[in-house]
Full PDB file with SEQRES, HELIX, SHEET, SSBOND, CRYST1, ORIGX, SCALE, CONECT and MASTER records, all heavy atoms in Angstrom:
SEQRES   1 A   41  SER LEU HIS GLN ASP ARG ASN TYR PRO THR ASP THR GLY          
SEQRES   2 A   41  GLY ALA GLU VAL ARG GLY THR GLY ALA ALA HIS GLY THR          
SEQRES   3 A   41  ASN LEU ASN ILE PRO LEU PRO PRO GLY THR GLY HIS LYS          
SEQRES   4 A   41  GLY TYR                                                      
HELIX    1 AA1 GLY A   21  ALA A   23  5                                   3    
SHEET    1 AA1 2 LEU A   2  GLN A   4  0                                        
SHEET    2 AA1 2 ILE A  30  LEU A  32  1                                        
CRYST1    1.000    1.000    1.000  90.00  90.00  90.00 P 1           1          
ORIGX1      1.000000  0.000000  0.000000        0.00000                         
ORIGX2      0.000000  1.000000  0.000000        0.00000                         
ORIGX3      0.000000  0.000000  1.000000        0.00000                         
SCALE1      1.000000  0.000000  0.000000        0.00000                         
SCALE2      0.000000  1.000000  0.000000        0.00000                         
SCALE3      0.000000  0.000000  1.000000        0.00000                         
ATOM      1  N   SER A   1     124.972  67.225-107.026  1.00  0.00           N  
ATOM      2  CA  SER A   1     123.610  66.727-106.658  1.00  0.00           C  
ATOM      3  C   SER A   1     123.736  65.539-105.834  1.00  0.00           C  
ATOM      4  O   SER A   1     124.217  64.450-106.316  1.00  0.00           O  
ATOM      5  CB  SER A   1     122.783  66.486-107.880  1.00  0.00           C  
ATOM      6  OG  SER A   1     121.492  66.040-107.528  1.00  0.00           O  
ATOM      7  N   LEU A   2     123.292  65.573-104.534  1.00  0.00           N  
ATOM      8  CA  LEU A   2     123.158  64.432-103.728  1.00  0.00           C  
ATOM      9  C   LEU A   2     121.634  64.062-103.763  1.00  0.00           C  
ATOM     10  O   LEU A   2     120.797  64.857-103.388  1.00  0.00           O  
ATOM     11  CB  LEU A   2     123.510  64.678-102.295  1.00  0.00           C  
ATOM     12  CG  LEU A   2     124.941  65.170-101.909  1.00  0.00           C  
ATOM     13  CD1 LEU A   2     124.965  66.643-101.757  1.00  0.00           C  
ATOM     14  CD2 LEU A   2     125.462  64.380-100.690  1.00  0.00           C  
ATOM     15  N   HIS A   3     121.298  62.865-104.195  1.00  0.00           N  
ATOM     16  CA  HIS A   3     119.929  62.515-104.427  1.00  0.00           C  
ATOM     17  C   HIS A   3     119.685  61.024-104.234  1.00  0.00           C  
ATOM     18  O   HIS A   3     120.614  60.279-104.395  1.00  0.00           O  
ATOM     19  CB  HIS A   3     119.484  62.964-105.832  1.00  0.00           C  
ATOM     20  CG  HIS A   3     120.337  62.504-106.925  1.00  0.00           C  
ATOM     21  ND1 HIS A   3     121.434  63.235-107.367  1.00  0.00           N  
ATOM     22  CD2 HIS A   3     120.338  61.355-107.646  1.00  0.00           C  
ATOM     23  CE1 HIS A   3     122.019  62.563-108.320  1.00  0.00           C  
ATOM     24  NE2 HIS A   3     121.410  61.420-108.542  1.00  0.00           N  
ATOM     25  N   GLN A   4     118.376  60.687-104.098  1.00  0.00           N  
ATOM     26  CA  GLN A   4     118.029  59.298-103.918  1.00  0.00           C  
ATOM     27  C   GLN A   4     118.147  58.705-105.378  1.00  0.00           C  
ATOM     28  O   GLN A   4     117.679  59.169-106.285  1.00  0.00           O  
ATOM     29  CB  GLN A   4     116.657  59.165-103.433  1.00  0.00           C  
ATOM     30  CG  GLN A   4     116.235  57.688-103.274  1.00  0.00           C  
ATOM     31  CD  GLN A   4     114.757  57.542-102.841  1.00  0.00           C  
ATOM     32  OE1 GLN A   4     114.283  58.341-102.027  1.00  0.00           O  
ATOM     33  NE2 GLN A   4     114.044  56.554-103.388  1.00  0.00           N  
ATOM     34  N   ASP A   5     118.909  57.595-105.405  1.00  0.00           N  
ATOM     35  CA  ASP A   5     119.149  56.952-106.706  1.00  0.00           C  
ATOM     36  C   ASP A   5     117.876  56.591-107.384  1.00  0.00           C  
ATOM     37  O   ASP A   5     116.980  55.909-106.813  1.00  0.00           O  
ATOM     38  CB  ASP A   5     120.032  55.662-106.410  1.00  0.00           C  
ATOM     39  CG  ASP A   5     120.560  55.079-107.665  1.00  0.00           C  
ATOM     40  OD1 ASP A   5     120.707  55.728-108.690  1.00  0.00           O  
ATOM     41  OD2 ASP A   5     120.828  53.803-107.613  1.00  0.00           O  
ATOM     42  N   ARG A   6     117.715  57.016-108.641  1.00  0.00           N  
ATOM     43  CA  ARG A   6     116.633  56.664-109.548  1.00  0.00           C  
ATOM     44  C   ARG A   6     115.219  56.935-108.863  1.00  0.00           C  
ATOM     45  O   ARG A   6     114.269  56.158-109.025  1.00  0.00           O  
ATOM     46  CB  ARG A   6     116.712  55.165-109.939  1.00  0.00           C  
ATOM     47  CG  ARG A   6     117.777  54.954-111.008  1.00  0.00           C  
ATOM     48  CD  ARG A   6     117.991  53.527-111.299  1.00  0.00           C  
ATOM     49  NE  ARG A   6     118.815  52.897-110.335  1.00  0.00           N  
ATOM     50  CZ  ARG A   6     119.328  51.676-110.435  1.00  0.00           C  
ATOM     51  NH1 ARG A   6     119.163  50.930-111.574  1.00  0.00           N  
ATOM     52  NH2 ARG A   6     120.097  51.171-109.469  1.00  0.00           N  
ATOM     53  N   ASN A   7     115.136  58.106-108.229  1.00  0.00           N  
ATOM     54  CA  ASN A   7     113.875  58.545-107.713  1.00  0.00           C  
ATOM     55  C   ASN A   7     113.160  59.358-108.812  1.00  0.00           C  
ATOM     56  O   ASN A   7     112.177  58.905-109.471  1.00  0.00           O  
ATOM     57  CB  ASN A   7     113.997  59.270-106.430  1.00  0.00           C  
ATOM     58  CG  ASN A   7     112.759  59.789-105.794  1.00  0.00           C  
ATOM     59  OD1 ASN A   7     111.768  60.101-106.539  1.00  0.00           O  
ATOM     60  ND2 ASN A   7     112.714  59.819-104.512  1.00  0.00           N  
ATOM     61  N   TYR A   8     113.627  60.589-108.994  1.00  0.00           N  
ATOM     62  CA  TYR A   8     113.024  61.455-110.054  1.00  0.00           C  
ATOM     63  C   TYR A   8     114.076  62.443-110.478  1.00  0.00           C  
ATOM     64  O   TYR A   8     114.725  62.998-109.596  1.00  0.00           O  
ATOM     65  CB  TYR A   8     111.810  62.207-109.575  1.00  0.00           C  
ATOM     66  CG  TYR A   8     111.098  62.980-110.632  1.00  0.00           C  
ATOM     67  CD1 TYR A   8     110.199  62.411-111.464  1.00  0.00           C  
ATOM     68  CD2 TYR A   8     111.475  64.338-110.816  1.00  0.00           C  
ATOM     69  CE1 TYR A   8     109.600  63.199-112.481  1.00  0.00           C  
ATOM     70  CE2 TYR A   8     110.838  65.092-111.900  1.00  0.00           C  
ATOM     71  CZ  TYR A   8     109.897  64.485-112.699  1.00  0.00           C  
ATOM     72  OH  TYR A   8     109.313  65.202-113.698  1.00  0.00           O  
ATOM     73  N   PRO A   9     114.306  62.676-111.745  1.00  0.00           N  
ATOM     74  CA  PRO A   9     113.817  61.802-112.861  1.00  0.00           C  
ATOM     75  C   PRO A   9     114.521  60.400-112.790  1.00  0.00           C  
ATOM     76  O   PRO A   9     115.682  60.328-112.303  1.00  0.00           O  
ATOM     77  CB  PRO A   9     114.190  62.580-114.132  1.00  0.00           C  
ATOM     78  CG  PRO A   9     114.411  64.013-113.655  1.00  0.00           C  
ATOM     79  CD  PRO A   9     114.889  63.852-112.249  1.00  0.00           C  
ATOM     80  N   THR A  10     113.920  59.424-113.349  1.00  0.00           N  
ATOM     81  CA  THR A  10     114.499  58.090-113.225  1.00  0.00           C  
ATOM     82  C   THR A  10     115.591  57.870-114.214  1.00  0.00           C  
ATOM     83  O   THR A  10     116.344  56.906-114.116  1.00  0.00           O  
ATOM     84  CB  THR A  10     113.397  56.954-113.486  1.00  0.00           C  
ATOM     85  OG1 THR A  10     112.751  57.216-114.745  1.00  0.00           O  
ATOM     86  CG2 THR A  10     112.349  57.058-112.380  1.00  0.00           C  
ATOM     87  N   ASP A  11     115.703  58.733-115.288  1.00  0.00           N  
ATOM     88  CA  ASP A  11     116.680  58.540-116.293  1.00  0.00           C  
ATOM     89  C   ASP A  11     117.848  59.540-116.265  1.00  0.00           C  
ATOM     90  O   ASP A  11     118.615  59.683-117.264  1.00  0.00           O  
ATOM     91  CB  ASP A  11     116.035  58.583-117.713  1.00  0.00           C  
ATOM     92  CG  ASP A  11     115.277  59.936-118.002  1.00  0.00           C  
ATOM     93  OD1 ASP A  11     115.120  60.703-116.976  1.00  0.00           O  
ATOM     94  OD2 ASP A  11     114.886  60.218-119.102  1.00  0.00           O  
ATOM     95  N   THR A  12     117.994  60.278-115.206  1.00  0.00           N  
ATOM     96  CA  THR A  12     119.122  61.242-115.048  1.00  0.00           C  
ATOM     97  C   THR A  12     119.748  60.979-113.639  1.00  0.00           C  
ATOM     98  O   THR A  12     119.212  60.295-112.812  1.00  0.00           O  
ATOM     99  CB  THR A  12     118.710  62.659-115.167  1.00  0.00           C  
ATOM    100  OG1 THR A  12     117.839  63.050-114.080  1.00  0.00           O  
ATOM    101  CG2 THR A  12     117.968  62.875-116.491  1.00  0.00           C  
ATOM    102  N   GLY A  13     120.906  61.594-113.420  1.00  0.00           N  
ATOM    103  CA  GLY A  13     121.473  61.576-112.074  1.00  0.00           C  
ATOM    104  C   GLY A  13     122.616  60.572-111.910  1.00  0.00           C  
ATOM    105  O   GLY A  13     123.063  60.340-110.806  1.00  0.00           O  
ATOM    106  N   GLY A  14     123.004  59.913-113.003  1.00  0.00           N  
ATOM    107  CA  GLY A  14     124.076  58.888-112.869  1.00  0.00           C  
ATOM    108  C   GLY A  14     125.396  59.533-112.582  1.00  0.00           C  
ATOM    109  O   GLY A  14     125.756  60.598-113.058  1.00  0.00           O  
ATOM    110  N   ALA A  15     126.166  58.799-111.822  1.00  0.00           N  
ATOM    111  CA  ALA A  15     127.494  59.304-111.347  1.00  0.00           C  
ATOM    112  C   ALA A  15     128.510  59.455-112.518  1.00  0.00           C  
ATOM    113  O   ALA A  15     129.462  60.173-112.464  1.00  0.00           O  
ATOM    114  CB  ALA A  15     128.114  58.389-110.322  1.00  0.00           C  
ATOM    115  N   GLU A  16     128.198  58.771-113.638  1.00  0.00           N  
ATOM    116  CA  GLU A  16     129.144  58.858-114.743  1.00  0.00           C  
ATOM    117  C   GLU A  16     129.036  60.141-115.527  1.00  0.00           C  
ATOM    118  O   GLU A  16     129.915  60.466-116.359  1.00  0.00           O  
ATOM    119  CB  GLU A  16     128.835  57.605-115.691  1.00  0.00           C  
ATOM    120  CG  GLU A  16     127.581  57.719-116.479  1.00  0.00           C  
ATOM    121  CD  GLU A  16     126.321  57.379-115.745  1.00  0.00           C  
ATOM    122  OE1 GLU A  16     126.425  57.006-114.517  1.00  0.00           O  
ATOM    123  OE2 GLU A  16     125.255  57.510-116.319  1.00  0.00           O  
ATOM    124  N   VAL A  17     127.994  60.949-115.217  1.00  0.00           N  
ATOM    125  CA  VAL A  17     127.840  62.239-116.018  1.00  0.00           C  
ATOM    126  C   VAL A  17     128.699  63.227-115.261  1.00  0.00           C  
ATOM    127  O   VAL A  17     128.421  63.717-114.157  1.00  0.00           O  
ATOM    128  CB  VAL A  17     126.359  62.715-116.032  1.00  0.00           C  
ATOM    129  CG1 VAL A  17     126.216  64.026-116.744  1.00  0.00           C  
ATOM    130  CG2 VAL A  17     125.476  61.582-116.667  1.00  0.00           C  
ATOM    131  N   ARG A  18     129.820  63.641-115.884  1.00  0.00           N  
ATOM    132  CA  ARG A  18     130.794  64.492-115.238  1.00  0.00           C  
ATOM    133  C   ARG A  18     130.959  65.862-115.838  1.00  0.00           C  
ATOM    134  O   ARG A  18     131.766  66.626-115.310  1.00  0.00           O  
ATOM    135  CB  ARG A  18     132.163  63.737-115.329  1.00  0.00           C  
ATOM    136  CG  ARG A  18     132.133  62.318-114.754  1.00  0.00           C  
ATOM    137  CD  ARG A  18     132.055  62.334-113.212  1.00  0.00           C  
ATOM    138  NE  ARG A  18     133.427  62.739-112.721  1.00  0.00           N  
ATOM    139  CZ  ARG A  18     133.662  63.801-112.004  1.00  0.00           C  
ATOM    140  NH1 ARG A  18     132.709  64.646-111.676  1.00  0.00           N  
ATOM    141  NH2 ARG A  18     134.902  64.050-111.591  1.00  0.00           N  
ATOM    142  N   GLY A  19     130.181  66.189-116.913  1.00  0.00           N  
ATOM    143  CA  GLY A  19     130.388  67.522-117.584  1.00  0.00           C  
ATOM    144  C   GLY A  19     131.001  67.158-118.916  1.00  0.00           C  
ATOM    145  O   GLY A  19     131.594  66.101-119.192  1.00  0.00           O  
ATOM    146  N   THR A  20     130.797  68.140-119.820  1.00  0.00           N  
ATOM    147  CA  THR A  20     131.269  67.950-121.233  1.00  0.00           C  
ATOM    148  C   THR A  20     132.372  68.920-121.569  1.00  0.00           C  
ATOM    149  O   THR A  20     132.456  70.045-121.102  1.00  0.00           O  
ATOM    150  CB  THR A  20     130.090  68.134-122.160  1.00  0.00           C  
ATOM    151  OG1 THR A  20     129.586  69.464-122.122  1.00  0.00           O  
ATOM    152  CG2 THR A  20     128.976  67.184-121.922  1.00  0.00           C  
ATOM    153  N   GLY A  21     133.241  68.471-122.552  1.00  0.00           N  
ATOM    154  CA  GLY A  21     134.292  69.358-122.997  1.00  0.00           C  
ATOM    155  C   GLY A  21     135.218  69.836-121.916  1.00  0.00           C  
ATOM    156  O   GLY A  21     135.627  69.107-121.008  1.00  0.00           O  
ATOM    157  N   ALA A  22     135.418  71.156-121.933  1.00  0.00           N  
ATOM    158  CA  ALA A  22     136.326  71.780-120.935  1.00  0.00           C  
ATOM    159  C   ALA A  22     135.683  71.737-119.531  1.00  0.00           C  
ATOM    160  O   ALA A  22     136.398  71.952-118.460  1.00  0.00           O  
ATOM    161  CB  ALA A  22     136.597  73.229-121.315  1.00  0.00           C  
ATOM    162  N   ALA A  23     134.417  71.425-119.418  1.00  0.00           N  
ATOM    163  CA  ALA A  23     133.750  71.354-118.099  1.00  0.00           C  
ATOM    164  C   ALA A  23     133.754  69.942-117.499  1.00  0.00           C  
ATOM    165  O   ALA A  23     133.133  69.704-116.485  1.00  0.00           O  
ATOM    166  CB  ALA A  23     132.273  71.793-118.271  1.00  0.00           C  
ATOM    167  N   HIS A  24     134.495  69.037-118.143  1.00  0.00           N  
ATOM    168  CA  HIS A  24     134.556  67.692-117.546  1.00  0.00           C  
ATOM    169  C   HIS A  24     135.141  67.744-116.145  1.00  0.00           C  
ATOM    170  O   HIS A  24     136.128  68.368-115.880  1.00  0.00           O  
ATOM    171  CB  HIS A  24     135.431  66.719-118.425  1.00  0.00           C  
ATOM    172  CG  HIS A  24     135.516  65.373-117.828  1.00  0.00           C  
ATOM    173  ND1 HIS A  24     134.534  64.442-118.004  1.00  0.00           N  
ATOM    174  CD2 HIS A  24     136.427  64.780-117.090  1.00  0.00           C  
ATOM    175  CE1 HIS A  24     134.838  63.301-117.434  1.00  0.00           C  
ATOM    176  NE2 HIS A  24     136.051  63.495-116.826  1.00  0.00           N  
ATOM    177  N   GLY A  25     134.449  67.132-115.231  1.00  0.00           N  
ATOM    178  CA  GLY A  25     134.761  67.140-113.845  1.00  0.00           C  
ATOM    179  C   GLY A  25     134.078  68.191-112.979  1.00  0.00           C  
ATOM    180  O   GLY A  25     134.153  68.199-111.765  1.00  0.00           O  
ATOM    181  N   THR A  26     133.294  69.032-113.612  1.00  0.00           N  
ATOM    182  CA  THR A  26     132.587  70.030-112.853  1.00  0.00           C  
ATOM    183  C   THR A  26     131.132  69.700-112.626  1.00  0.00           C  
ATOM    184  O   THR A  26     130.321  70.591-112.140  1.00  0.00           O  
ATOM    185  CB  THR A  26     132.662  71.512-113.554  1.00  0.00           C  
ATOM    186  OG1 THR A  26     132.108  71.401-114.809  1.00  0.00           O  
ATOM    187  CG2 THR A  26     134.084  71.908-113.642  1.00  0.00           C  
ATOM    188  N   ASN A  27     130.731  68.471-112.928  1.00  0.00           N  
ATOM    189  CA  ASN A  27     129.382  67.958-112.573  1.00  0.00           C  
ATOM    190  C   ASN A  27     129.560  66.713-111.772  1.00  0.00           C  
ATOM    191  O   ASN A  27     130.288  65.826-112.125  1.00  0.00           O  
ATOM    192  CB  ASN A  27     128.514  67.681-113.803  1.00  0.00           C  
ATOM    193  CG  ASN A  27     127.080  67.360-113.453  1.00  0.00           C  
ATOM    194  OD1 ASN A  27     126.349  68.190-113.041  1.00  0.00           O  
ATOM    195  ND2 ASN A  27     126.736  66.065-113.511  1.00  0.00           N  
ATOM    196  N   LEU A  28     128.967  66.734-110.546  1.00  0.00           N  
ATOM    197  CA  LEU A  28     129.174  65.672-109.579  1.00  0.00           C  
ATOM    198  C   LEU A  28     127.816  65.132-109.182  1.00  0.00           C  
ATOM    199  O   LEU A  28     127.062  65.809-108.420  1.00  0.00           O  
ATOM    200  CB  LEU A  28     129.998  66.150-108.362  1.00  0.00           C  
ATOM    201  CG  LEU A  28     130.802  65.160-107.600  1.00  0.00           C  
ATOM    202  CD1 LEU A  28     131.992  64.755-108.441  1.00  0.00           C  
ATOM    203  CD2 LEU A  28     131.344  65.856-106.294  1.00  0.00           C  
ATOM    204  N   ASN A  29     127.461  64.001-109.654  1.00  0.00           N  
ATOM    205  CA  ASN A  29     126.174  63.339-109.196  1.00  0.00           C  
ATOM    206  C   ASN A  29     126.463  62.336-108.191  1.00  0.00           C  
ATOM    207  O   ASN A  29     127.381  61.427-108.357  1.00  0.00           O  
ATOM    208  CB  ASN A  29     125.466  62.661-110.403  1.00  0.00           C  
ATOM    209  CG  ASN A  29     124.782  63.697-111.306  1.00  0.00           C  
ATOM    210  OD1 ASN A  29     124.298  64.677-110.807  1.00  0.00           O  
ATOM    211  ND2 ASN A  29     124.678  63.431-112.582  1.00  0.00           N  
ATOM    212  N   ILE A  30     125.804  62.394-107.064  1.00  0.00           N  
ATOM    213  CA  ILE A  30     126.022  61.518-105.944  1.00  0.00           C  
ATOM    214  C   ILE A  30     124.691  60.780-105.641  1.00  0.00           C  
ATOM    215  O   ILE A  30     123.978  61.213-104.740  1.00  0.00           O  
ATOM    216  CB  ILE A  30     126.519  62.292-104.648  1.00  0.00           C  
ATOM    217  CG1 ILE A  30     127.856  63.042-105.001  1.00  0.00           C  
ATOM    218  CG2 ILE A  30     126.867  61.299-103.476  1.00  0.00           C  
ATOM    219  CD1 ILE A  30     128.329  63.926-103.925  1.00  0.00           C  
ATOM    220  N   PRO A  31     124.362  59.735-106.394  1.00  0.00           N  
ATOM    221  CA  PRO A  31     123.173  59.024-106.115  1.00  0.00           C  
ATOM    222  C   PRO A  31     123.339  58.142-104.866  1.00  0.00           C  
ATOM    223  O   PRO A  31     124.312  57.398-104.818  1.00  0.00           O  
ATOM    224  CB  PRO A  31     122.989  58.166-107.391  1.00  0.00           C  
ATOM    225  CG  PRO A  31     124.352  58.001-107.927  1.00  0.00           C  
ATOM    226  CD  PRO A  31     125.101  59.224-107.572  1.00  0.00           C  
ATOM    227  N   LEU A  32     122.365  58.217-103.997  1.00  0.00           N  
ATOM    228  CA  LEU A  32     122.432  57.476-102.685  1.00  0.00           C  
ATOM    229  C   LEU A  32     121.293  56.484-102.633  1.00  0.00           C  
ATOM    230  O   LEU A  32     120.218  56.751-103.047  1.00  0.00           O  
ATOM    231  CB  LEU A  32     122.409  58.406-101.518  1.00  0.00           C  
ATOM    232  CG  LEU A  32     123.600  59.404-101.449  1.00  0.00           C  
ATOM    233  CD1 LEU A  32     123.318  60.462-100.404  1.00  0.00           C  
ATOM    234  CD2 LEU A  32     124.902  58.730-101.194  1.00  0.00           C  
ATOM    235  N   PRO A  33     121.481  55.314-101.980  1.00  0.00           N  
ATOM    236  CA  PRO A  33     120.438  54.332-101.949  1.00  0.00           C  
ATOM    237  C   PRO A  33     119.308  54.766-101.005  1.00  0.00           C  
ATOM    238  O   PRO A  33     119.571  55.502-100.016  1.00  0.00           O  
ATOM    239  CB  PRO A  33     121.225  53.073-101.409  1.00  0.00           C  
ATOM    240  CG  PRO A  33     122.323  53.662-100.620  1.00  0.00           C  
ATOM    241  CD  PRO A  33     122.750  54.896-101.337  1.00  0.00           C  
ATOM    242  N   PRO A  34     118.083  54.303-101.280  1.00  0.00           N  
ATOM    243  CA  PRO A  34     116.954  54.570-100.360  1.00  0.00           C  
ATOM    244  C   PRO A  34     117.395  54.065 -98.946  1.00  0.00           C  
ATOM    245  O   PRO A  34     118.064  53.058 -98.781  1.00  0.00           O  
ATOM    246  CB  PRO A  34     115.786  53.733-100.910  1.00  0.00           C  
ATOM    247  CG  PRO A  34     116.170  53.586-102.381  1.00  0.00           C  
ATOM    248  CD  PRO A  34     117.668  53.534-102.468  1.00  0.00           C  
ATOM    249  N   GLY A  35     116.990  54.851 -97.943  1.00  0.00           N  
ATOM    250  CA  GLY A  35     117.243  54.472 -96.551  1.00  0.00           C  
ATOM    251  C   GLY A  35     118.585  55.164 -96.054  1.00  0.00           C  
ATOM    252  O   GLY A  35     118.790  55.020 -94.822  1.00  0.00           O  
ATOM    253  N   THR A  36     119.223  55.963 -96.841  1.00  0.00           N  
ATOM    254  CA  THR A  36     120.429  56.659 -96.386  1.00  0.00           C  
ATOM    255  C   THR A  36     120.015  57.637 -95.207  1.00  0.00           C  
ATOM    256  O   THR A  36     119.028  58.324 -95.428  1.00  0.00           O  
ATOM    257  CB  THR A  36     121.105  57.390 -97.522  1.00  0.00           C  
ATOM    258  OG1 THR A  36     121.617  56.521 -98.495  1.00  0.00           O  
ATOM    259  CG2 THR A  36     122.316  58.243 -96.986  1.00  0.00           C  
ATOM    260  N   GLY A  37     120.640  57.544 -94.137  1.00  0.00           N  
ATOM    261  CA  GLY A  37     120.278  58.340 -93.043  1.00  0.00           C  
ATOM    262  C   GLY A  37     121.275  59.400 -92.746  1.00  0.00           C  
ATOM    263  O   GLY A  37     122.114  59.813 -93.582  1.00  0.00           O  
ATOM    264  N   HIS A  38     121.241  59.962 -91.540  1.00  0.00           N  
ATOM    265  CA  HIS A  38     122.092  61.077 -91.134  1.00  0.00           C  
ATOM    266  C   HIS A  38     123.536  60.805 -91.357  1.00  0.00           C  
ATOM    267  O   HIS A  38     124.233  61.576 -92.008  1.00  0.00           O  
ATOM    268  CB  HIS A  38     121.787  61.423 -89.664  1.00  0.00           C  
ATOM    269  CG  HIS A  38     122.689  62.475 -89.080  1.00  0.00           C  
ATOM    270  ND1 HIS A  38     122.399  63.800 -89.275  1.00  0.00           N  
ATOM    271  CD2 HIS A  38     123.904  62.429 -88.484  1.00  0.00           C  
ATOM    272  CE1 HIS A  38     123.378  64.539 -88.678  1.00  0.00           C  
ATOM    273  NE2 HIS A  38     124.267  63.729 -88.198  1.00  0.00           N  
ATOM    274  N   LYS A  39     124.047  59.671 -90.839  1.00  0.00           N  
ATOM    275  CA  LYS A  39     125.478  59.361 -90.943  1.00  0.00           C  
ATOM    276  C   LYS A  39     125.899  59.256 -92.336  1.00  0.00           C  
ATOM    277  O   LYS A  39     127.009  59.692 -92.771  1.00  0.00           O  
ATOM    278  CB  LYS A  39     125.702  58.070 -90.148  1.00  0.00           C  
ATOM    279  CG  LYS A  39     127.226  57.733 -90.152  1.00  0.00           C  
ATOM    280  CD  LYS A  39     127.489  56.506 -89.309  1.00  0.00           C  
ATOM    281  CE  LYS A  39     128.963  56.138 -89.216  1.00  0.00           C  
ATOM    282  NZ  LYS A  39     129.171  54.907 -88.413  1.00  0.00           N  
ATOM    283  N   GLY A  40     125.094  58.600 -93.198  1.00  0.00           N  
ATOM    284  CA  GLY A  40     125.420  58.416 -94.616  1.00  0.00           C  
ATOM    285  C   GLY A  40     125.528  59.773 -95.371  1.00  0.00           C  
ATOM    286  O   GLY A  40     126.433  59.968 -96.164  1.00  0.00           O  
ATOM    287  N   TYR A  41     124.609  60.669 -95.095  1.00  0.00           N  
ATOM    288  CA  TYR A  41     124.645  61.992 -95.743  1.00  0.00           C  
ATOM    289  C   TYR A  41     125.898  62.718 -95.348  1.00  0.00           C  
ATOM    290  O   TYR A  41     126.589  63.348 -96.188  1.00  0.00           O  
ATOM    291  CB  TYR A  41     123.397  62.795 -95.402  1.00  0.00           C  
ATOM    292  CG  TYR A  41     122.361  62.650 -96.438  1.00  0.00           C  
ATOM    293  CD1 TYR A  41     121.315  61.727 -96.321  1.00  0.00           C  
ATOM    294  CD2 TYR A  41     122.362  63.481 -97.566  1.00  0.00           C  
ATOM    295  CE1 TYR A  41     120.294  61.580 -97.282  1.00  0.00           C  
ATOM    296  CE2 TYR A  41     121.317  63.330 -98.522  1.00  0.00           C  
ATOM    297  CZ  TYR A  41     120.275  62.421 -98.389  1.00  0.00           C  
ATOM    298  OH  TYR A  41     119.365  62.297 -99.335  1.00  0.00           O  
TER     299      TYR A  41                                                      
MASTER        0    0    0    1    2    0    0    6  298    1    0    4          
END                                                                             
């Protein structure tokens, strides 16, 4: 998930959430700061 940091929901989407158990590493949160433009994406 590439998303605006703390937009919605405000309590999910942190980069530290990576998956649980055998699935660790298969969840990738990429929170980006407001104002990220074409080059940043």
